[in-house]
Amino acid sequence: MNQEQLDKVKNGKGFIAALDQSGGSTPKALRGYGVEEDQYNNDDEMFQLVHDMRTRIVSSPSFTSDKIIGAILFEQTMDREVEGKHTGDYLADKGVVPFLKIDKGLDEKKDGVQLMKPNPDLDDLLNRANDHKIFGTKMRSNILEFNKSGIDAIVKQQFEVAKQIIEAGLVPIIEPEVNIEAEDKAEIEAYLSDAILEELNNLNDDQLVMLKLTIPTKVNQYQSLIDHPNVVRVVALSGGYSRAHANEVLKQNDGLIASFSRALINDLNVSQSQEEFDKVLAETVDSIYDASVNKIQG
């Protein structure tokens, strides 16, 4: 583990950019960027176009390490290059800490949740991540209903895989997303918080994790997780909220910083001139940075 990067992730001011749309979410991300499905013929062309979009973002002068602590990449992005360097190296050299999405997507809904699909090749992927100077990983599950056994299963699976990732010398971001439309969202978040805390308390001192959680309904719901000695940082996903709303509610939660995906790229468009693109990205970065760093004192 890189100590300088660990210090930056733990104490740095700013947020983590989520540039890890993959598989089924790629066409949607491209559509939002103004690239329609009739503009590519196969997956190779699609992934090249999304890499072009990500290259444009990370190489923009608006994508700066003084506001952006880290960036989460998709496996294909890690394997590709930006300006002649592998993406992880490019980001690290820019002062932005690189993370890698490692899950293989979601299983069918059961007990009100979607667990992660099995990932038999994870050790190989973690070895490659280390070769590409990746600092940490991210893996997502999905909670749709208040079902205690479902939530318990998600937390158990996440921490089991997290230990495998720690063993490989990387810092895992554990992401049990609570769907923003969930009927009992606040109750789910209270129960989830306790379930995560229980797992955290069973870790050894040197087993460090991060958490990526939906912005909670109850302000500062996750304070005990943010303060936990085994937690490097707690970051928040935008979850389908508009950027304005996500920023507004994020601002109310002490110690919680953004790791937005859609809310980061929504206003960017392939047809924008470079000047316009950089300006829009700068405004977006500034607003998410502000919500991550400058909290409203309740």
Protein backbone atom coordinates (compact mmCIF):
# COMPACT_ATOMS: atom_id res chain seq x y z
CA MET A 1 0.00 0.00 0.00
CA ASN A 2 1.27 3.45 -0.93
CA GLN A 3 1.47 5.51 2.30
CA GLU A 4 1.33 8.85 0.49
CA GLN A 5 -1.86 7.80 -1.33
CA LEU A 6 -3.34 6.44 1.92
CA ASP A 7 -2.75 9.81 3.60
CA LYS A 8 -4.34 11.61 0.67
CA VAL A 9 -7.44 9.37 0.66
CA LYS A 10 -7.80 9.59 4.45
CA ASN A 11 -7.16 13.30 4.94
CA GLY A 12 -7.38 14.97 1.53
CA LYS A 13 -9.96 17.64 0.78
CA GLY A 14 -12.15 16.83 -2.20
CA PHE A 15 -14.06 13.88 -3.59
CA ILE A 16 -13.66 10.65 -5.55
CA ALA A 17 -14.76 10.61 -9.20
CA ALA A 18 -16.62 7.44 -10.23
CA LEU A 19 -15.67 6.73 -13.86
CA ASP A 20 -16.51 3.03 -13.70
CA GLN A 21 -19.69 2.54 -15.75
CA SER A 22 -19.36 -0.88 -17.35
CA GLY A 23 -21.27 -3.51 -19.30
CA GLY A 24 -24.97 -2.68 -19.21
CA SER A 25 -24.51 0.86 -17.89
CA THR A 26 -22.11 1.93 -20.66
CA PRO A 27 -24.76 2.67 -23.36
CA LYS A 28 -26.63 4.82 -20.82
CA ALA A 29 -23.45 6.72 -19.91
CA LEU A 30 -22.68 7.29 -23.60
CA ARG A 31 -26.25 8.39 -24.30
CA GLY A 32 -25.95 10.97 -21.52
CA TYR A 33 -22.77 12.16 -23.23
CA GLY A 34 -24.59 12.54 -26.57
CA VAL A 35 -23.40 9.32 -28.23
CA GLU A 36 -26.35 7.24 -29.48
CA GLU A 37 -26.32 3.46 -29.89
CA ASP A 38 -26.38 3.71 -33.70
CA GLN A 39 -22.95 5.39 -33.56
CA TYR A 40 -21.14 2.14 -32.70
CA ASN A 41 -21.43 -1.38 -34.08
CA ASN A 42 -20.12 -3.61 -31.31
CA ASP A 43 -18.79 -3.71 -27.75
CA ASP A 44 -15.22 -2.91 -28.82
CA GLU A 45 -16.32 0.33 -30.49
CA MET A 46 -18.60 1.14 -27.54
CA PHE A 47 -15.79 0.69 -24.99
CA GLN A 48 -13.42 2.75 -27.12
CA LEU A 49 -15.95 5.59 -27.22
CA VAL A 50 -16.44 5.48 -23.44
CA HIS A 51 -12.66 5.42 -22.99
CA ASP A 52 -12.44 8.50 -25.23
CA MET A 53 -14.99 10.20 -22.95
CA ARG A 54 -13.04 9.25 -19.81
CA THR A 55 -9.75 10.34 -21.40
CA ARG A 56 -11.30 13.71 -22.15
CA ILE A 57 -12.42 14.01 -18.52
CA VAL A 58 -9.20 12.94 -16.75
CA SER A 59 -6.90 14.87 -19.10
CA SER A 60 -8.94 18.08 -18.74
CA PRO A 61 -7.25 20.89 -16.79
CA SER A 62 -10.48 20.99 -14.75
CA PHE A 63 -9.80 17.46 -13.42
CA THR A 64 -7.30 18.49 -10.76
CA SER A 65 -5.78 16.70 -7.78
CA ASP A 66 -6.48 19.65 -5.48
CA LYS A 67 -10.23 18.96 -5.77
CA ILE A 68 -10.30 15.29 -6.82
CA ILE A 69 -8.77 12.82 -4.36
CA GLY A 70 -9.25 9.69 -6.45
CA ALA A 71 -10.99 8.12 -9.43
CA ILE A 72 -12.68 4.72 -9.78
CA LEU A 73 -11.95 2.95 -13.06
CA PHE A 74 -13.53 0.08 -14.95
CA GLU A 75 -11.25 -2.88 -15.77
CA GLN A 76 -11.01 -1.96 -19.47
CA THR A 77 -10.13 1.62 -18.55
CA MET A 78 -7.30 0.35 -16.37
CA ASP A 79 -5.96 -1.72 -19.28
CA ARG A 80 -6.11 1.20 -21.73
CA GLU A 81 -3.88 4.25 -21.99
CA VAL A 82 -4.26 8.00 -21.57
CA GLU A 83 -1.60 10.07 -23.31
CA GLY A 84 0.73 7.09 -23.64
CA LYS A 85 0.45 5.87 -20.02
CA HIS A 86 -1.82 3.22 -18.52
CA THR A 87 -4.77 5.03 -16.94
CA GLY A 88 -3.78 4.15 -13.35
CA ASP A 89 -0.25 5.48 -13.89
CA TYR A 90 -1.59 8.58 -15.62
CA LEU A 91 -3.86 9.38 -12.67
CA ALA A 92 -1.21 8.59 -10.05
CA ASP A 93 1.26 10.88 -11.83
CA LYS A 94 -1.43 13.59 -11.81
CA GLY A 95 -1.86 13.16 -8.04
CA VAL A 96 -5.24 11.43 -8.31
CA VAL A 97 -5.44 8.07 -6.48
CA PRO A 98 -6.65 5.25 -8.80
CA PHE A 99 -9.29 2.69 -7.73
CA LEU A 100 -10.70 -0.24 -9.73
CA LYS A 101 -14.28 -1.57 -9.89
CA ILE A 102 -13.87 -5.34 -9.36
CA ASP A 103 -17.39 -6.79 -9.11
CA LYS A 104 -19.00 -8.72 -11.96
CA GLY A 105 -22.45 -7.20 -11.56
CA LEU A 106 -25.51 -8.17 -9.54
CA ASP A 107 -27.37 -11.43 -8.99
CA GLU A 108 -31.16 -11.68 -9.26
CA LYS A 109 -33.14 -10.06 -6.45
CA LYS A 110 -33.65 -12.29 -3.40
CA ASP A 111 -34.77 -11.30 0.13
CA GLY A 112 -35.16 -7.69 -1.06
CA VAL A 113 -31.52 -7.36 -2.16
CA GLN A 114 -29.14 -8.13 -5.01
CA LEU A 115 -25.88 -9.78 -3.98
CA MET A 116 -22.77 -9.58 -6.13
CA LYS A 117 -22.30 -12.30 -8.72
CA PRO A 118 -19.54 -14.83 -8.00
CA ASN A 119 -16.07 -13.61 -8.99
CA PRO A 120 -13.79 -16.66 -9.41
CA ASP A 121 -11.02 -14.72 -11.19
CA LEU A 122 -10.71 -12.02 -8.54
CA ASP A 123 -7.17 -12.94 -7.45
CA ASP A 124 -5.91 -12.55 -11.03
CA LEU A 125 -7.63 -9.17 -11.33
CA LEU A 126 -6.12 -7.98 -8.03
CA ASN A 127 -2.64 -9.00 -9.23
CA ARG A 128 -3.18 -6.98 -12.41
CA ALA A 129 -4.46 -4.05 -10.34
CA ASN A 130 -1.22 -4.08 -8.35
CA ASP A 131 0.77 -4.12 -11.61
CA HIS A 132 -1.17 -1.02 -12.74
CA LYS A 133 -0.49 0.96 -9.52
CA ILE A 134 -4.12 0.74 -8.38
CA PHE A 135 -4.56 1.76 -4.71
CA GLY A 136 -7.98 0.30 -3.96
CA THR A 137 -11.08 -1.40 -5.34
CA LYS A 138 -14.84 -0.91 -5.42
CA MET A 139 -17.67 -3.46 -5.40
CA ARG A 140 -21.41 -2.80 -5.40
CA SER A 141 -24.44 -4.61 -4.00
CA ASN A 142 -28.01 -3.31 -4.07
CA ILE A 143 -30.58 -3.05 -1.27
CA LEU A 144 -34.15 -2.54 -2.47
CA GLU A 145 -36.25 -3.43 0.60
CA PHE A 146 -36.01 -3.59 4.39
CA ASN A 147 -35.26 -7.28 4.81
CA LYS A 148 -32.86 -8.05 7.65
CA SER A 149 -31.64 -11.41 6.32
CA GLY A 150 -31.04 -9.87 2.87
CA ILE A 151 -29.08 -6.95 4.33
CA ASP A 152 -27.09 -9.32 6.58
CA ALA A 153 -26.20 -11.44 3.53
CA ILE A 154 -24.99 -8.37 1.61
CA VAL A 155 -22.80 -7.12 4.46
CA LYS A 156 -21.36 -10.61 5.07
CA GLN A 157 -20.51 -11.08 1.37
CA GLN A 158 -18.98 -7.61 1.08
CA PHE A 159 -16.67 -8.11 4.07
CA GLU A 160 -15.65 -11.61 2.98
CA VAL A 161 -14.51 -10.27 -0.40
CA ALA A 162 -13.00 -7.19 1.28
CA LYS A 163 -10.66 -9.45 3.30
CA GLN A 164 -9.48 -11.10 0.07
CA ILE A 165 -8.75 -7.63 -1.37
CA ILE A 166 -6.89 -6.50 1.78
CA GLU A 167 -4.82 -9.69 1.55
CA ALA A 168 -3.71 -8.53 -1.92
CA GLY A 169 -2.46 -5.23 -0.45
CA LEU A 170 -5.34 -3.07 -1.72
CA VAL A 171 -7.96 -1.00 0.10
CA PRO A 172 -11.53 -2.15 -0.68
CA ILE A 173 -14.44 0.27 -1.09
CA ILE A 174 -17.48 -1.63 0.22
CA GLU A 175 -20.64 -0.38 -1.53
CA PRO A 176 -23.99 -1.71 -0.29
CA GLU A 177 -26.17 0.81 -2.15
CA VAL A 178 -29.59 1.55 -0.66
CA ASN A 179 -31.95 2.30 -3.52
CA ILE A 180 -33.16 5.90 -3.21
CA GLU A 181 -36.73 4.73 -4.00
CA ALA A 182 -36.74 2.11 -1.20
CA GLU A 183 -39.89 2.44 0.89
CA ASP A 184 -38.20 2.19 4.30
CA LYS A 185 -34.96 3.91 3.32
CA ALA A 186 -34.22 5.43 6.75
CA GLU A 187 -34.89 2.13 8.57
CA ILE A 188 -32.73 0.22 6.07
CA GLU A 189 -29.88 2.69 6.63
CA ALA A 190 -30.10 2.43 10.43
CA TYR A 191 -29.99 -1.38 10.27
CA LEU A 192 -27.26 -1.38 7.63
CA SER A 193 -25.15 0.97 9.74
CA ASP A 194 -25.31 -1.42 12.72
CA ALA A 195 -24.57 -4.46 10.55
CA ILE A 196 -21.49 -2.76 9.03
CA LEU A 197 -20.32 -1.60 12.47
CA GLU A 198 -20.44 -5.16 13.76
CA GLU A 199 -18.22 -6.36 10.89
CA LEU A 200 -15.81 -3.43 11.33
CA ASN A 201 -15.39 -4.28 15.01
CA ASN A 202 -14.23 -7.80 14.03
CA LEU A 203 -11.41 -6.56 11.78
CA ASN A 204 -7.77 -6.56 12.84
CA ASP A 205 -6.13 -3.15 13.34
CA ASP A 206 -4.33 -3.35 10.00
CA GLN A 207 -7.43 -4.33 7.96
CA LEU A 208 -8.50 -1.02 6.43
CA VAL A 209 -11.64 -0.47 4.35
CA MET A 210 -13.61 2.34 2.78
CA LEU A 211 -17.39 2.56 2.50
CA LYS A 212 -19.51 3.92 -0.34
CA LEU A 213 -23.07 4.53 0.79
CA THR A 214 -26.24 6.22 -0.40
CA ILE A 215 -26.62 9.69 1.13
CA PRO A 216 -28.72 8.88 4.22
CA THR A 217 -32.25 10.07 4.92
CA LYS A 218 -31.33 10.78 8.56
CA VAL A 219 -28.53 13.36 8.66
CA ASN A 220 -25.24 11.98 10.01
CA GLN A 221 -26.62 8.43 10.14
CA TYR A 222 -23.16 7.10 9.30
CA GLN A 223 -21.11 9.12 11.81
CA SER A 224 -20.09 6.01 13.81
CA LEU A 225 -18.75 4.45 10.58
CA ILE A 226 -16.91 7.63 9.56
CA ASP A 227 -15.23 7.73 13.00
CA HIS A 228 -14.27 4.02 13.05
CA PRO A 229 -10.48 3.40 13.18
CA ASN A 230 -10.64 0.73 10.44
CA VAL A 231 -12.41 3.09 8.01
CA VAL A 232 -10.16 5.17 5.78
CA ARG A 233 -13.02 7.25 4.37
CA VAL A 234 -16.78 7.10 3.81
CA VAL A 235 -17.92 8.32 0.40
CA ALA A 236 -21.41 8.86 -0.96
CA LEU A 237 -23.00 7.83 -4.25
CA SER A 238 -25.50 10.08 -6.01
CA GLY A 239 -27.85 7.14 -6.63
CA GLY A 240 -29.95 8.83 -9.29
CA TYR A 241 -30.47 12.09 -7.40
CA SER A 242 -29.84 15.21 -9.47
CA ARG A 243 -26.47 16.79 -8.78
CA ALA A 244 -28.13 19.81 -7.15
CA HIS A 245 -30.10 17.62 -4.73
CA ALA A 246 -27.20 15.23 -4.09
CA ASN A 247 -24.93 18.18 -3.26
CA GLU A 248 -27.58 19.76 -1.03
CA VAL A 249 -28.09 16.65 1.14
CA LEU A 250 -24.39 15.72 1.10
CA LYS A 251 -23.54 19.15 2.53
CA GLN A 252 -25.56 18.32 5.66
CA ASN A 253 -23.55 15.16 6.48
CA ASP A 254 -20.30 15.80 8.37
CA GLY A 255 -17.26 13.89 7.15
CA LEU A 256 -19.09 12.36 4.17
CA ILE A 257 -17.58 13.13 0.75
CA ALA A 258 -18.89 12.49 -2.75
CA SER A 259 -18.11 9.65 -5.11
CA PHE A 260 -20.52 10.62 -7.85
CA SER A 261 -20.86 9.02 -11.27
CA ARG A 262 -23.94 10.26 -13.14
CA ALA A 263 -23.98 13.52 -11.21
CA LEU A 264 -20.38 14.12 -12.33
CA ILE A 265 -20.79 13.54 -16.07
CA ASN A 266 -24.44 14.49 -16.71
CA ASP A 267 -23.75 17.95 -18.17
CA LEU A 268 -20.82 16.90 -20.37
CA ASN A 269 -21.44 16.37 -24.09
CA VAL A 270 -19.39 15.00 -26.95
CA SER A 271 -20.33 18.00 -29.11
CA GLN A 272 -19.00 20.61 -26.64
CA SER A 273 -15.88 22.51 -27.69
CA GLN A 274 -12.88 21.78 -25.48
CA GLU A 275 -13.23 25.19 -23.87
CA GLU A 276 -16.93 24.62 -23.09
CA PHE A 277 -16.28 21.05 -21.90
CA ASP A 278 -13.53 22.22 -19.51
CA LYS A 279 -15.75 25.04 -18.21
CA VAL A 280 -18.73 22.73 -17.53
CA LEU A 281 -16.47 20.14 -15.90
CA ALA A 282 -14.84 22.83 -13.72
CA GLU A 283 -18.25 24.06 -12.53
CA THR A 284 -19.33 20.48 -11.77
CA VAL A 285 -16.10 19.67 -9.92
CA ASP A 286 -16.33 22.89 -7.91
CA SER A 287 -19.93 22.21 -6.83
CA ILE A 288 -19.21 18.60 -5.77
CA TYR A 289 -16.01 19.68 -4.00
CA ASP A 290 -17.94 22.37 -2.13
CA ALA A 291 -20.59 19.86 -0.95
CA SER A 292 -17.85 17.44 0.15
CA VAL A 293 -15.72 19.96 2.02
CA ASN A 294 -17.83 22.91 3.17
CA LYS A 295 -20.50 21.47 5.45
CA ILE A 296 -23.60 23.20 6.78
CA GLN A 297 -23.39 23.41 10.56
CA GLY A 298 -26.70 22.10 11.85
